[in-house]
PDB file of N, CA and C in Angstrom:
ATOM      1  N   UNK A   1     -16.276  -6.708  49.721  1.00  0.00           N
ATOM      2  CA  UNK A   1     -15.185  -6.081  50.816  1.00  0.00           C
ATOM      3  C   UNK A   1     -13.421  -6.237  50.705  1.00  0.00           C
ATOM      4  N   UNK A   2     -12.931  -5.265  50.476  1.00  0.00           N
ATOM      5  CA  UNK A   2     -11.751  -5.158  50.100  1.00  0.00           C
ATOM      6  C   UNK A   2     -10.963  -6.001  51.070  1.00  0.00           C
ATOM      7  N   UNK A   3      -9.813  -7.221  51.054  1.00  0.00           N
ATOM      8  CA  UNK A   3      -8.781  -7.155  51.991  1.00  0.00           C
ATOM      9  C   UNK A   3      -7.703  -6.964  51.117  1.00  0.00           C
ATOM     10  N   UNK A   4      -7.093  -6.283  52.569  1.00  0.00           N
ATOM     11  CA  UNK A   4      -5.563  -6.110  52.637  1.00  0.00           C
ATOM     12  C   UNK A   4      -4.969  -6.490  53.294  1.00  0.00           C
ATOM     13  N   UNK A   5      -3.498  -7.181  53.281  1.00  0.00           N
ATOM     14  CA  UNK A   5      -2.523  -7.952  54.099  1.00  0.00           C
ATOM     15  C   UNK A   5      -1.683  -7.428  53.820  1.00  0.00           C
ATOM     16  N   UNK A   6      -0.556  -7.415  54.965  1.00  0.00           N
ATOM     17  CA  UNK A   6       0.930  -7.511  55.096  1.00  0.00           C
ATOM     18  C   UNK A   6       1.655  -8.491  55.569  1.00  0.00           C
ATOM     19  N   UNK A   7       2.611  -9.796  55.290  1.00  0.00           N
ATOM     20  CA  UNK A   7       2.711 -10.544  55.204  1.00  0.00           C
ATOM     21  C   UNK A   7       4.504 -10.192  55.907  1.00  0.00           C
ATOM     22  N   UNK A   8       5.294 -10.593  56.570  1.00  0.00           N
ATOM     23  CA  UNK A   8       6.772 -10.461  56.638  1.00  0.00           C
ATOM     24  C   UNK A   8       7.071 -12.326  56.685  1.00  0.00           C
ATOM     25  N   UNK A   9       8.118 -12.645  55.731  1.00  0.00           N
ATOM     26  CA  UNK A   9       9.037 -13.082  55.596  1.00  0.00           C
ATOM     27  C   UNK A   9       9.820 -12.843  56.391  1.00  0.00           C
ATOM     28  N   UNK A  10      10.861 -14.103  56.886  1.00  0.00           N
ATOM     29  CA  UNK A  10      12.445 -13.877  57.539  1.00  0.00           C
ATOM     30  C   UNK A  10      13.006 -14.801  56.728  1.00  0.00           C
ATOM     31  N   UNK A  11      13.878 -14.171  56.050  1.00  0.00           N
ATOM     32  CA  UNK A  11      14.467 -15.945  55.394  1.00  0.00           C
ATOM     33  C   UNK A  11      15.942 -16.014  56.363  1.00  0.00           C
ATOM     34  N   UNK A  12      15.829 -17.632  56.228  1.00  0.00           N
ATOM     35  CA  UNK A  12      16.671 -18.708  56.659  1.00  0.00           C
ATOM     36  C   UNK A  12      18.097 -17.684  56.231  1.00  0.00           C
ATOM     37  N   UNK A  13      19.266 -17.589  57.259  1.00  0.00           N
ATOM     38  CA  UNK A  13      20.003 -16.131  56.656  1.00  0.00           C
ATOM     39  C   UNK A  13      21.261 -16.786  55.656  1.00  0.00           C
ATOM     40  N   UNK A  14      20.897 -18.253  55.394  1.00  0.00           N
ATOM     41  CA  UNK A  14      21.623 -19.062  54.310  1.00  0.00           C
ATOM     42  C   UNK A  14      20.532 -19.043  52.702  1.00  0.00           C
ATOM     43  N   UNK A  15      19.651 -18.279  53.149  1.00  0.00           N
ATOM     44  CA  UNK A  15      18.528 -18.416  51.553  1.00  0.00           C
ATOM     45  C   UNK A  15      18.015 -17.349  51.846  1.00  0.00           C
ATOM     46  N   UNK A  16      18.385 -16.463  51.611  1.00  0.00           N
ATOM     47  CA  UNK A  16      17.874 -14.803  51.293  1.00  0.00           C
ATOM     48  C   UNK A  16      17.744 -14.743  50.193  1.00  0.00           C
ATOM     49  N   UNK A  17      18.640 -14.965  49.112  1.00  0.00           N
ATOM     50  CA  UNK A  17      18.952 -15.269  47.276  1.00  0.00           C
ATOM     51  C   UNK A  17      17.613 -16.040  47.127  1.00  0.00           C
ATOM     52  N   UNK A  18      17.562 -17.063  47.629  1.00  0.00           N
ATOM     53  CA  UNK A  18      16.360 -18.379  47.427  1.00  0.00           C
ATOM     54  C   UNK A  18      14.788 -17.532  47.812  1.00  0.00           C
ATOM     55  N   UNK A  19      15.165 -17.250  48.902  1.00  0.00           N
ATOM     56  CA  UNK A  19      13.128 -16.414  49.305  1.00  0.00           C
ATOM     57  C   UNK A  19      13.237 -15.804  48.200  1.00  0.00           C
ATOM     58  N   UNK A  20      14.242 -14.469  48.278  1.00  0.00           N
ATOM     59  CA  UNK A  20      14.080 -13.252  47.297  1.00  0.00           C
ATOM     60  C   UNK A  20      13.516 -14.051  45.964  1.00  0.00           C
ATOM     61  N   UNK A  21      13.763 -14.829  45.116  1.00  0.00           N
ATOM     62  CA  UNK A  21      13.643 -15.176  43.956  1.00  0.00           C
ATOM     63  C   UNK A  21      12.649 -15.815  43.914  1.00  0.00           C
ATOM     64  N   UNK A  22      12.220 -16.652  45.411  1.00  0.00           N
ATOM     65  CA  UNK A  22      10.742 -17.445  44.665  1.00  0.00           C
ATOM     66  C   UNK A  22       9.761 -16.508  44.968  1.00  0.00           C
ATOM     67  N   UNK A  23       9.643 -15.307  45.874  1.00  0.00           N
ATOM     68  CA  UNK A  23       9.045 -14.071  45.798  1.00  0.00           C
ATOM     69  C   UNK A  23       8.973 -13.540  44.832  1.00  0.00           C
ATOM     70  N   UNK A  24      10.082 -13.538  44.102  1.00  0.00           N
ATOM     71  CA  UNK A  24       9.907 -12.407  42.786  1.00  0.00           C
ATOM     72  C   UNK A  24       8.845 -13.596  41.758  1.00  0.00           C
ATOM     73  N   UNK A  25       8.962 -14.616  42.213  1.00  0.00           N
ATOM     74  CA  UNK A  25       8.070 -15.088  40.497  1.00  0.00           C
ATOM     75  C   UNK A  25       6.132 -15.207  41.039  1.00  0.00           C
ATOM     76  N   UNK A  26       5.719 -14.725  42.294  1.00  0.00           N
ATOM     77  CA  UNK A  26       4.648 -14.248  42.619  1.00  0.00           C
ATOM     78  C   UNK A  26       3.871 -13.234  41.980  1.00  0.00           C
ATOM     79  N   UNK A  27       5.308 -12.160  41.935  1.00  0.00           N
ATOM     80  CA  UNK A  27       5.362 -10.578  41.538  1.00  0.00           C
ATOM     81  C   UNK A  27       3.992 -10.525  40.529  1.00  0.00           C
ATOM     82  N   UNK A  28       4.607 -10.882  39.361  1.00  0.00           N
ATOM     83  CA  UNK A  28       3.629 -10.475  38.108  1.00  0.00           C
ATOM     84  C   UNK A  28       2.180 -11.006  37.763  1.00  0.00           C
ATOM     85  N   UNK A  29       2.408 -12.425  37.933  1.00  0.00           N
ATOM     86  CA  UNK A  29       1.720 -13.355  37.602  1.00  0.00           C
ATOM     87  C   UNK A  29       0.382 -12.945  38.753  1.00  0.00           C
ATOM     88  N   UNK A  30       0.666 -11.999  39.906  1.00  0.00           N
ATOM     89  CA  UNK A  30      -0.503 -12.090  40.860  1.00  0.00           C
ATOM     90  C   UNK A  30      -1.230 -10.818  40.682  1.00  0.00           C
ATOM     91  N   UNK A  31      -0.347 -10.106  40.154  1.00  0.00           N
ATOM     92  CA  UNK A  31      -0.395  -8.386  39.649  1.00  0.00           C
ATOM     93  C   UNK A  31      -2.036  -8.523  37.980  1.00  0.00           C
ATOM     94  N   UNK A  32      -1.478  -9.991  37.927  1.00  0.00           N
ATOM     95  CA  UNK A  32      -2.405  -9.918  36.641  1.00  0.00           C
ATOM     96  C   UNK A  32      -3.651 -10.927  36.688  1.00  0.00           C
ATOM     97  N   UNK A  33      -3.850 -11.349  38.179  1.00  0.00           N
ATOM     98  CA  UNK A  33      -4.915 -11.891  38.361  1.00  0.00           C
ATOM     99  C   UNK A  33      -6.257 -10.724  38.804  1.00  0.00           C
ATOM    100  N   UNK A  34      -7.615 -11.569  38.286  1.00  0.00           N
ATOM    101  CA  UNK A  34      -8.654 -10.377  38.085  1.00  0.00           C
ATOM    102  C   UNK A  34      -8.957 -10.471  39.848  1.00  0.00           C
ATOM    103  N   UNK A  35      -9.310  -9.312  40.225  1.00  0.00           N
ATOM    104  CA  UNK A  35      -9.686  -8.858  41.417  1.00  0.00           C
ATOM    105  C   UNK A  35      -8.290  -8.782  42.566  1.00  0.00           C
ATOM    106  N   UNK A  36      -6.955  -8.178  41.760  1.00  0.00           N
ATOM    107  CA  UNK A  36      -5.738  -8.075  42.309  1.00  0.00           C
ATOM    108  C   UNK A  36      -5.720  -6.565  42.314  1.00  0.00           C
ATOM    109  N   UNK A  37      -6.152  -5.789  43.495  1.00  0.00           N
ATOM    110  CA  UNK A  37      -5.757  -4.350  43.465  1.00  0.00           C
ATOM    111  C   UNK A  37      -4.570  -4.159  43.446  1.00  0.00           C
ATOM    112  N   UNK A  38      -3.882  -4.734  44.301  1.00  0.00           N
ATOM    113  CA  UNK A  38      -1.971  -4.076  44.701  1.00  0.00           C
ATOM    114  C   UNK A  38      -1.685  -5.339  45.331  1.00  0.00           C
ATOM    115  N   UNK A  39      -0.311  -5.720  44.453  1.00  0.00           N
ATOM    116  CA  UNK A  39       0.873  -6.916  45.192  1.00  0.00           C
ATOM    117  C   UNK A  39       2.262  -6.235  44.707  1.00  0.00           C
ATOM    118  N   UNK A  40       2.897  -6.032  45.986  1.00  0.00           N
ATOM    119  CA  UNK A  40       3.815  -5.651  45.617  1.00  0.00           C
ATOM    120  C   UNK A  40       4.813  -6.312  46.843  1.00  0.00           C
ATOM    121  N   UNK A  41       6.015  -6.755  46.705  1.00  0.00           N
ATOM    122  CA  UNK A  41       7.121  -7.415  47.521  1.00  0.00           C
ATOM    123  C   UNK A  41       8.399  -6.348  48.121  1.00  0.00           C
ATOM    124  N   UNK A  42       8.998  -6.088  49.187  1.00  0.00           N
ATOM    125  CA  UNK A  42       9.955  -5.705  49.828  1.00  0.00           C
ATOM    126  C   UNK A  42      10.739  -6.032  50.254  1.00  0.00           C
ATOM    127  N   UNK A  43      12.144  -5.976  50.713  1.00  0.00           N
ATOM    128  CA  UNK A  43      13.239  -6.305  51.172  1.00  0.00           C
ATOM    129  C   UNK A  43      13.564  -5.356  51.881  1.00  0.00           C
ATOM    130  N   UNK A  44      13.518  -5.287  53.541  1.00  0.00           N
ATOM    131  CA  UNK A  44      14.083  -3.910  54.001  1.00  0.00           C
ATOM    132  C   UNK A  44      15.557  -4.143  53.798  1.00  0.00           C
ATOM    133  N   UNK A  45      15.862  -2.174  54.134  1.00  0.00           N
ATOM    134  CA  UNK A  45      17.347  -2.555  53.472  1.00  0.00           C
ATOM    135  C   UNK A  45      18.007  -2.299  55.231  1.00  0.00           C
ATOM    136  N   UNK A  46      17.406  -2.487  56.011  1.00  0.00           N
ATOM    137  CA  UNK A  46      17.970  -2.855  57.494  1.00  0.00           C
ATOM    138  C   UNK A  46      18.151  -3.609  58.168  1.00  0.00           C
ATOM    139  N   UNK A  47      17.746  -4.886  57.209  1.00  0.00           N
ATOM    140  CA  UNK A  47      17.624  -6.393  57.858  1.00  0.00           C
ATOM    141  C   UNK A  47      17.371  -7.014  56.522  1.00  0.00           C
ATOM    142  N   UNK A  48      17.946  -7.341  55.736  1.00  0.00           N
ATOM    143  CA  UNK A  48      17.831  -8.280  54.460  1.00  0.00           C
ATOM    144  C   UNK A  48      17.787  -9.364  54.942  1.00  0.00           C
ATOM    145  N   UNK A  49      17.328 -10.028  55.687  1.00  0.00           N
ATOM    146  CA  UNK A  49      16.862 -11.064  55.896  1.00  0.00           C
ATOM    147  C   UNK A  49      15.118 -11.105  55.715  1.00  0.00           C
ATOM    148  N   UNK A  50      14.492  -9.851  56.089  1.00  0.00           N
ATOM    149  CA  UNK A  50      13.326  -9.852  55.713  1.00  0.00           C
ATOM    150  C   UNK A  50      12.934  -8.953  54.835  1.00  0.00           C
ATOM    151  N   UNK A  51      11.468  -9.268  54.560  1.00  0.00           N
ATOM    152  CA  UNK A  51      10.850  -9.463  53.067  1.00  0.00           C
ATOM    153  C   UNK A  51       9.246  -8.969  53.412  1.00  0.00           C
ATOM    154  N   UNK A  52       8.850  -7.774  52.960  1.00  0.00           N
ATOM    155  CA  UNK A  52       7.452  -7.838  52.824  1.00  0.00           C
ATOM    156  C   UNK A  52       6.370  -7.830  51.963  1.00  0.00           C
ATOM    157  N   UNK A  53       5.257  -8.056  52.108  1.00  0.00           N
ATOM    158  CA  UNK A  53       4.322  -8.346  50.851  1.00  0.00           C
ATOM    159  C   UNK A  53       3.404  -7.899  51.634  1.00  0.00           C
ATOM    160  N   UNK A  54       3.202  -7.131  50.259  1.00  0.00           N
ATOM    161  CA  UNK A  54       1.722  -6.018  50.522  1.00  0.00           C
ATOM    162  C   UNK A  54       0.945  -6.596  49.173  1.00  0.00           C
ATOM    163  N   UNK A  55      -0.900  -6.680  49.944  1.00  0.00           N
ATOM    164  CA  UNK A  55      -1.770  -7.177  48.899  1.00  0.00           C
ATOM    165  C   UNK A  55      -2.998  -7.038  48.949  1.00  0.00           C
ATOM    166  N   UNK A  56      -3.628  -6.620  48.119  1.00  0.00           N
ATOM    167  CA  UNK A  56      -4.553  -6.401  48.353  1.00  0.00           C
ATOM    168  C   UNK A  56      -5.849  -7.218  47.525  1.00  0.00           C
ATOM    169  N   UNK A  57      -6.587  -7.406  47.676  1.00  0.00           N
ATOM    170  CA  UNK A  57      -7.621  -8.360  46.687  1.00  0.00           C
ATOM    171  C   UNK A  57      -9.210  -7.608  46.912  1.00  0.00           C
ATOM    172  N   UNK A  58      -9.731  -7.453  46.000  1.00  0.00           N
ATOM    173  CA  UNK A  58     -11.535  -6.858  45.598  1.00  0.00           C
ATOM    174  C   UNK A  58     -12.334  -7.314  46.787  1.00  0.00           C
ATOM    175  N   UNK A  59     -12.088  -8.809  46.385  1.00  0.00           N
ATOM    176  CA  UNK A  59     -12.852  -9.556  47.913  1.00  0.00           C
ATOM    177  C   UNK A  59     -12.434 -10.596  48.144  1.00  0.00           C
ATOM    178  N   UNK A  60     -13.361 -11.877  48.668  1.00  0.00           N
ATOM    179  CA  UNK A  60     -12.886 -12.919  49.421  1.00  0.00           C
ATOM    180  C   UNK A  60     -12.981 -13.552  48.105  1.00  0.00           C
ATOM    181  N   UNK A  61     -13.808 -13.460  47.161  1.00  0.00           N
ATOM    182  CA  UNK A  61     -13.607 -14.496  46.374  1.00  0.00           C
ATOM    183  C   UNK A  61     -12.784 -14.313  45.468  1.00  0.00           C
ATOM    184  N   UNK A  62     -11.720 -13.050  45.441  1.00  0.00           N
ATOM    185  CA  UNK A  62     -10.653 -12.756  44.612  1.00  0.00           C
ATOM    186  C   UNK A  62      -9.483 -13.521  45.079  1.00  0.00           C
ATOM    187  N   UNK A  63      -9.572 -13.862  46.549  1.00  0.00           N
ATOM    188  CA  UNK A  63      -8.744 -13.966  47.196  1.00  0.00           C
ATOM    189  C   UNK A  63      -8.389 -15.405  47.069  1.00  0.00           C
ATOM    190  N   UNK A  64      -9.724 -16.143  47.501  1.00  0.00           N
ATOM    191  CA  UNK A  64      -9.744 -17.543  47.177  1.00  0.00           C
ATOM    192  C   UNK A  64      -9.066 -18.186  45.646  1.00  0.00           C
ATOM    193  N   UNK A  65      -9.303 -17.265  44.612  1.00  0.00           N
ATOM    194  CA  UNK A  65      -9.245 -17.840  43.595  1.00  0.00           C
ATOM    195  C   UNK A  65      -7.275 -17.577  43.514  1.00  0.00           C
ATOM    196  N   UNK A  66      -7.214 -16.653  44.397  1.00  0.00           N
ATOM    197  CA  UNK A  66      -5.507 -16.609  44.136  1.00  0.00           C
ATOM    198  C   UNK A  66      -4.524 -18.173  44.797  1.00  0.00           C
ATOM    199  N   UNK A  67      -5.609 -18.016  45.797  1.00  0.00           N
ATOM    200  CA  UNK A  67      -4.677 -19.855  46.709  1.00  0.00           C
ATOM    201  C   UNK A  67      -4.755 -21.134  45.919  1.00  0.00           C
ATOM    202  N   UNK A  68      -5.482 -20.399  44.360  1.00  0.00           N
ATOM    203  CA  UNK A  68      -5.489 -22.026  43.976  1.00  0.00           C
ATOM    204  C   UNK A  68      -4.784 -21.238  42.356  1.00  0.00           C
ATOM    205  N   UNK A  69      -4.050 -20.276  42.037  1.00  0.00           N
ATOM    206  CA  UNK A  69      -3.274 -20.582  41.002  1.00  0.00           C
ATOM    207  C   UNK A  69      -1.706 -21.097  40.906  1.00  0.00           C
ATOM    208  N   UNK A  70      -1.429 -21.699  39.904  1.00  0.00           N
ATOM    209  CA  UNK A  70      -0.558 -22.162  39.819  1.00  0.00           C
ATOM    210  C   UNK A  70       1.090 -21.672  40.883  1.00  0.00           C
ATOM    211  N   UNK A  71       1.474 -20.246  40.307  1.00  0.00           N
ATOM    212  CA  UNK A  71       2.155 -19.916  41.237  1.00  0.00           C
ATOM    213  C   UNK A  71       2.066 -19.353  42.455  1.00  0.00           C
ATOM    214  N   UNK A  72       1.123 -19.644  43.134  1.00  0.00           N
ATOM    215  CA  UNK A  72       0.726 -19.476  44.620  1.00  0.00           C
ATOM    216  C   UNK A  72       1.024 -21.014  45.035  1.00  0.00           C
ATOM    217  N   UNK A  73       0.859 -21.510  44.682  1.00  0.00           N
ATOM    218  CA  UNK A  73       0.794 -23.152  44.930  1.00  0.00           C
ATOM    219  C   UNK A  73       2.463 -23.309  44.740  1.00  0.00           C
ATOM    220  N   UNK A  74       2.955 -23.458  43.578  1.00  0.00           N
ATOM    221  CA  UNK A  74       4.066 -23.423  43.877  1.00  0.00           C
ATOM    222  C   UNK A  74       5.138 -22.376  44.935  1.00  0.00           C
ATOM    223  N   UNK A  75       4.773 -20.998  45.123  1.00  0.00           N
ATOM    224  CA  UNK A  75       5.305 -20.499  46.585  1.00  0.00           C
ATOM    225  C   UNK A  75       5.026 -21.470  47.545  1.00  0.00           C
ATOM    226  N   UNK A  76       3.844 -22.047  47.720  1.00  0.00           N
ATOM    227  CA  UNK A  76       3.332 -22.345  49.231  1.00  0.00           C
ATOM    228  C   UNK A  76       4.212 -23.685  48.926  1.00  0.00           C
ATOM    229  N   UNK A  77       4.702 -24.443  48.004  1.00  0.00           N
ATOM    230  CA  UNK A  77       5.222 -25.451  48.260  1.00  0.00           C
ATOM    231  C   UNK A  77       6.479 -26.053  48.264  1.00  0.00           C
ATOM    232  N   UNK A  78       7.049 -24.539  48.305  1.00  0.00           N
ATOM    233  CA  UNK A  78       8.979 -24.146  48.654  1.00  0.00           C
ATOM    234  C   UNK A  78       9.375 -23.236  49.453  1.00  0.00           C
ATOM    235  N   UNK A  79       7.961 -22.355  50.004  1.00  0.00           N
ATOM    236  CA  UNK A  79       9.037 -21.568  50.736  1.00  0.00           C
ATOM    237  C   UNK A  79       9.435 -21.877  51.990  1.00  0.00           C
ATOM    238  N   UNK A  80       9.066 -22.619  52.512  1.00  0.00           N
ATOM    239  CA  UNK A  80       9.614 -23.725  54.439  1.00  0.00           C
ATOM    240  C   UNK A  80      11.197 -23.590  53.821  1.00  0.00           C
ATOM    241  N   UNK A  81      11.670 -24.126  53.121  1.00  0.00           N
ATOM    242  CA  UNK A  81      12.600 -24.483  53.154  1.00  0.00           C
ATOM    243  C   UNK A  81      13.690 -23.092  53.046  1.00  0.00           C
ATOM    244  N   UNK A  82      13.318 -21.966  53.046  1.00  0.00           N
ATOM    245  CA  UNK A  82      14.119 -20.809  53.178  1.00  0.00           C
ATOM    246  C   UNK A  82      13.396 -20.004  54.034  1.00  0.00           C
ATOM    247  N   UNK A  83      12.190 -20.482  54.400  1.00  0.00           N
ATOM    248  CA  UNK A  83      12.003 -19.330  55.239  1.00  0.00           C
ATOM    249  C   UNK A  83      12.111 -19.413  57.252  1.00  0.00           C
ATOM    250  N   UNK A  84      12.694 -18.736  57.534  1.00  0.00           N
ATOM    251  CA  UNK A  84      12.513 -18.835  59.324  1.00  0.00           C
ATOM    252  C   UNK A  84      11.103 -18.451  59.758  1.00  0.00           C
ATOM    253  N   UNK A  85      10.739 -17.911  59.250  1.00  0.00           N
ATOM    254  CA  UNK A  85       9.468 -17.148  60.756  1.00  0.00           C
ATOM    255  C   UNK A  85       8.673 -16.093  59.154  1.00  0.00           C
ATOM    256  N   UNK A  86       7.009 -16.723  59.356  1.00  0.00           N
ATOM    257  CA  UNK A  86       6.288 -15.452  58.821  1.00  0.00           C
ATOM    258  C   UNK A  86       5.408 -15.117  59.835  1.00  0.00           C
ATOM    259  N   UNK A  87       4.812 -13.432  59.465  1.00  0.00           N
ATOM    260  CA  UNK A  87       3.898 -13.063  60.085  1.00  0.00           C
ATOM    261  C   UNK A  87       3.211 -12.575  58.967  1.00  0.00           C
ATOM    262  N   UNK A  88       1.612 -12.886  59.501  1.00  0.00           N
ATOM    263  CA  UNK A  88       0.807 -11.706  58.345  1.00  0.00           C
ATOM    264  C   UNK A  88      -0.185 -11.476  59.146  1.00  0.00           C
ATOM    265  N   UNK A  89      -0.890 -10.562  58.441  1.00  0.00           N
ATOM    266  CA  UNK A  89      -1.282  -9.187  59.502  1.00  0.00           C
ATOM    267  C   UNK A  89      -2.535  -8.941  58.201  1.00  0.00           C
ATOM    268  N   UNK A  90      -3.717  -8.960  58.615  1.00  0.00           N
ATOM    269  CA  UNK A  90      -5.435  -8.467  57.673  1.00  0.00           C
ATOM    270  C   UNK A  90      -5.405  -7.157  58.153  1.00  0.00           C
ATOM    271  N   UNK A  91      -4.972  -6.116  57.392  1.00  0.00           N
ATOM    272  CA  UNK A  91      -5.216  -4.758  57.698  1.00  0.00           C
ATOM    273  C   UNK A  91      -6.532  -3.983  57.119  1.00  0.00           C
ATOM    274  N   UNK A  92      -6.761  -3.150  57.873  1.00  0.00           N
ATOM    275  CA  UNK A  92      -8.006  -1.993  58.299  1.00  0.00           C
ATOM    276  C   UNK A  92      -7.505  -0.893  57.790  1.00  0.00           C
ATOM    277  N   UNK A  93      -8.757  -0.238  56.335  1.00  0.00           N
ATOM    278  CA  UNK A  93      -8.133   0.977  56.176  1.00  0.00           C
ATOM    279  C   UNK A  93      -9.057   1.741  56.959  1.00  0.00           C
ATOM    280  N   UNK A  94      -8.233   3.183  57.502  1.00  0.00           N
ATOM    281  CA  UNK A  94      -8.800   3.875  58.327  1.00  0.00           C
ATOM    282  C   UNK A  94      -9.721   5.217  57.187  1.00  0.00           C
TER     283      UNK A  94
END
């Protein structure tokens, strides 16, 4: 069963570029993972502290494998210092 998520990150005001750079490190490596159907990162134009990650995975196994990758673990270990708030949403296709 496909898993699709939207995750909103709000950068600390003095860490916008740092969070942006860290998020960029996840894009290409995630897209190359087996089972990745979609992985895009956006910065909103109206609120520059807001970043949105849209991701879709073939199934739960693909997502679990993603959580074990070096690029994900690097992101997970470092994003708290730049991030003020995170809000994940699991989405259902209608």
